[in-house]
Amino acid sequence: MMAEMWNILNRHANRLNIVSLRELCSDQARFSACSVEFDCVLFDYSKEKIDSQAMLE
């Protein structure tokens, strides 16, 4: 199971390798889509090389 998860993550990393973080951050809705607040702590992963397709898996 863990190996399968790493393989999926690796596929997304390879796919996103050609996309710049600047391009990903140009999405105005990115912060709200890539952050969550839990128990007064904000987790902001909007400046990481991840997109909604990767988040769905």
C-alpha atoms as a PDB file:
ATOM      1  CA  MET A   1       0.000   0.000   0.000  1.00  0.00           C
ATOM      2  CA  MET A   2       2.755   2.455   0.930  1.00  0.00           C
ATOM      3  CA  ALA A   3       4.713   1.669  -2.235  1.00  0.00           C
ATOM      4  CA  GLU A   4       1.595   2.350  -4.311  1.00  0.00           C
ATOM      5  CA  MET A   5       1.161   5.736  -2.606  1.00  0.00           C
ATOM      6  CA  TRP A   6       4.786   6.660  -3.329  1.00  0.00           C
ATOM      7  CA  ASN A   7       4.314   5.646  -6.973  1.00  0.00           C
ATOM      8  CA  ILE A   8       1.264   7.910  -7.270  1.00  0.00           C
ATOM      9  CA  LEU A   9       3.146  10.774  -5.623  1.00  0.00           C
ATOM     10  CA  ASN A  10       6.098  10.204  -7.951  1.00  0.00           C
ATOM     11  CA  ARG A  11       3.846  10.326 -11.033  1.00  0.00           C
ATOM     12  CA  HIS A  12       2.442  13.675  -9.902  1.00  0.00           C
ATOM     13  CA  ALA A  13       5.932  15.003  -9.172  1.00  0.00           C
ATOM     14  CA  ASN A  14       7.052  14.028 -12.674  1.00  0.00           C
ATOM     15  CA  ARG A  15       3.960  15.615 -14.216  1.00  0.00           C
ATOM     16  CA  LEU A  16       4.429  18.846 -12.248  1.00  0.00           C
ATOM     17  CA  ASN A  17       8.163  18.990 -12.944  1.00  0.00           C
ATOM     18  CA  ILE A  18       7.535  21.001 -16.114  1.00  0.00           C
ATOM     19  CA  VAL A  19       5.176  23.474 -14.383  1.00  0.00           C
ATOM     20  CA  SER A  20       6.644  26.421 -12.492  1.00  0.00           C
ATOM     21  CA  LEU A  21       5.470  27.335  -9.026  1.00  0.00           C
ATOM     22  CA  ARG A  22       4.863  30.844 -10.373  1.00  0.00           C
ATOM     23  CA  GLU A  23       2.412  29.399 -12.885  1.00  0.00           C
ATOM     24  CA  LEU A  24       0.632  27.400 -10.183  1.00  0.00           C
ATOM     25  CA  CYS A  25       0.430  30.455  -7.912  1.00  0.00           C
ATOM     26  CA  SER A  26      -1.166  32.570 -10.640  1.00  0.00           C
ATOM     27  CA  ASP A  27      -4.489  30.900  -9.781  1.00  0.00           C
ATOM     28  CA  GLN A  28      -6.405  33.412  -7.632  1.00  0.00           C
ATOM     29  CA  ALA A  29      -8.313  30.634  -5.829  1.00  0.00           C
ATOM     30  CA  ARG A  30      -5.163  28.681  -4.977  1.00  0.00           C
ATOM     31  CA  PHE A  31      -4.825  29.850  -1.362  1.00  0.00           C
ATOM     32  CA  SER A  32      -8.377  28.889  -0.429  1.00  0.00           C
ATOM     33  CA  ALA A  33      -8.050  25.571  -2.260  1.00  0.00           C
ATOM     34  CA  CYS A  34      -4.630  24.744  -0.788  1.00  0.00           C
ATOM     35  CA  SER A  35      -4.952  25.731   2.837  1.00  0.00           C
ATOM     36  CA  VAL A  36      -6.903  24.559   5.833  1.00  0.00           C
ATOM     37  CA  GLU A  37      -7.292  25.834   9.356  1.00  0.00           C
ATOM     38  CA  PHE A  38      -7.537  23.361  12.214  1.00  0.00           C
ATOM     39  CA  ASP A  39      -7.691  24.234  15.892  1.00  0.00           C
ATOM     40  CA  CYS A  40      -6.453  27.816  15.258  1.00  0.00           C
ATOM     41  CA  VAL A  41      -3.489  26.572  13.197  1.00  0.00           C
ATOM     42  CA  LEU A  42      -3.292  27.475   9.521  1.00  0.00           C
ATOM     43  CA  PHE A  43      -1.787  24.876   7.200  1.00  0.00           C
ATOM     44  CA  ASP A  44      -0.884  26.663   3.979  1.00  0.00           C
ATOM     45  CA  TYR A  45       0.507  24.472   1.241  1.00  0.00           C
ATOM     46  CA  SER A  46      -0.385  26.871  -1.572  1.00  0.00           C
ATOM     47  CA  LYS A  47       3.295  27.575  -2.239  1.00  0.00           C
ATOM     48  CA  GLU A  48       4.157  23.931  -2.759  1.00  0.00           C
ATOM     49  CA  LYS A  49       4.321  22.240  -6.151  1.00  0.00           C
ATOM     50  CA  ILE A  50       0.992  20.497  -5.875  1.00  0.00           C
ATOM     51  CA  ASP A  51      -2.259  20.920  -7.761  1.00  0.00           C
ATOM     52  CA  SER A  52      -5.872  19.881  -7.394  1.00  0.00           C
ATOM     53  CA  GLN A  53      -5.354  16.743  -9.473  1.00  0.00           C
ATOM     54  CA  ALA A  54      -2.695  15.514  -7.054  1.00  0.00           C
ATOM     55  CA  MET A  55      -4.855  16.432  -4.069  1.00  0.00           C
ATOM     56  CA  LEU A  56      -7.721  14.293  -5.362  1.00  0.00           C
ATOM     57  CA  GLU A  57      -5.587  11.167  -5.221  1.00  0.00           C
END
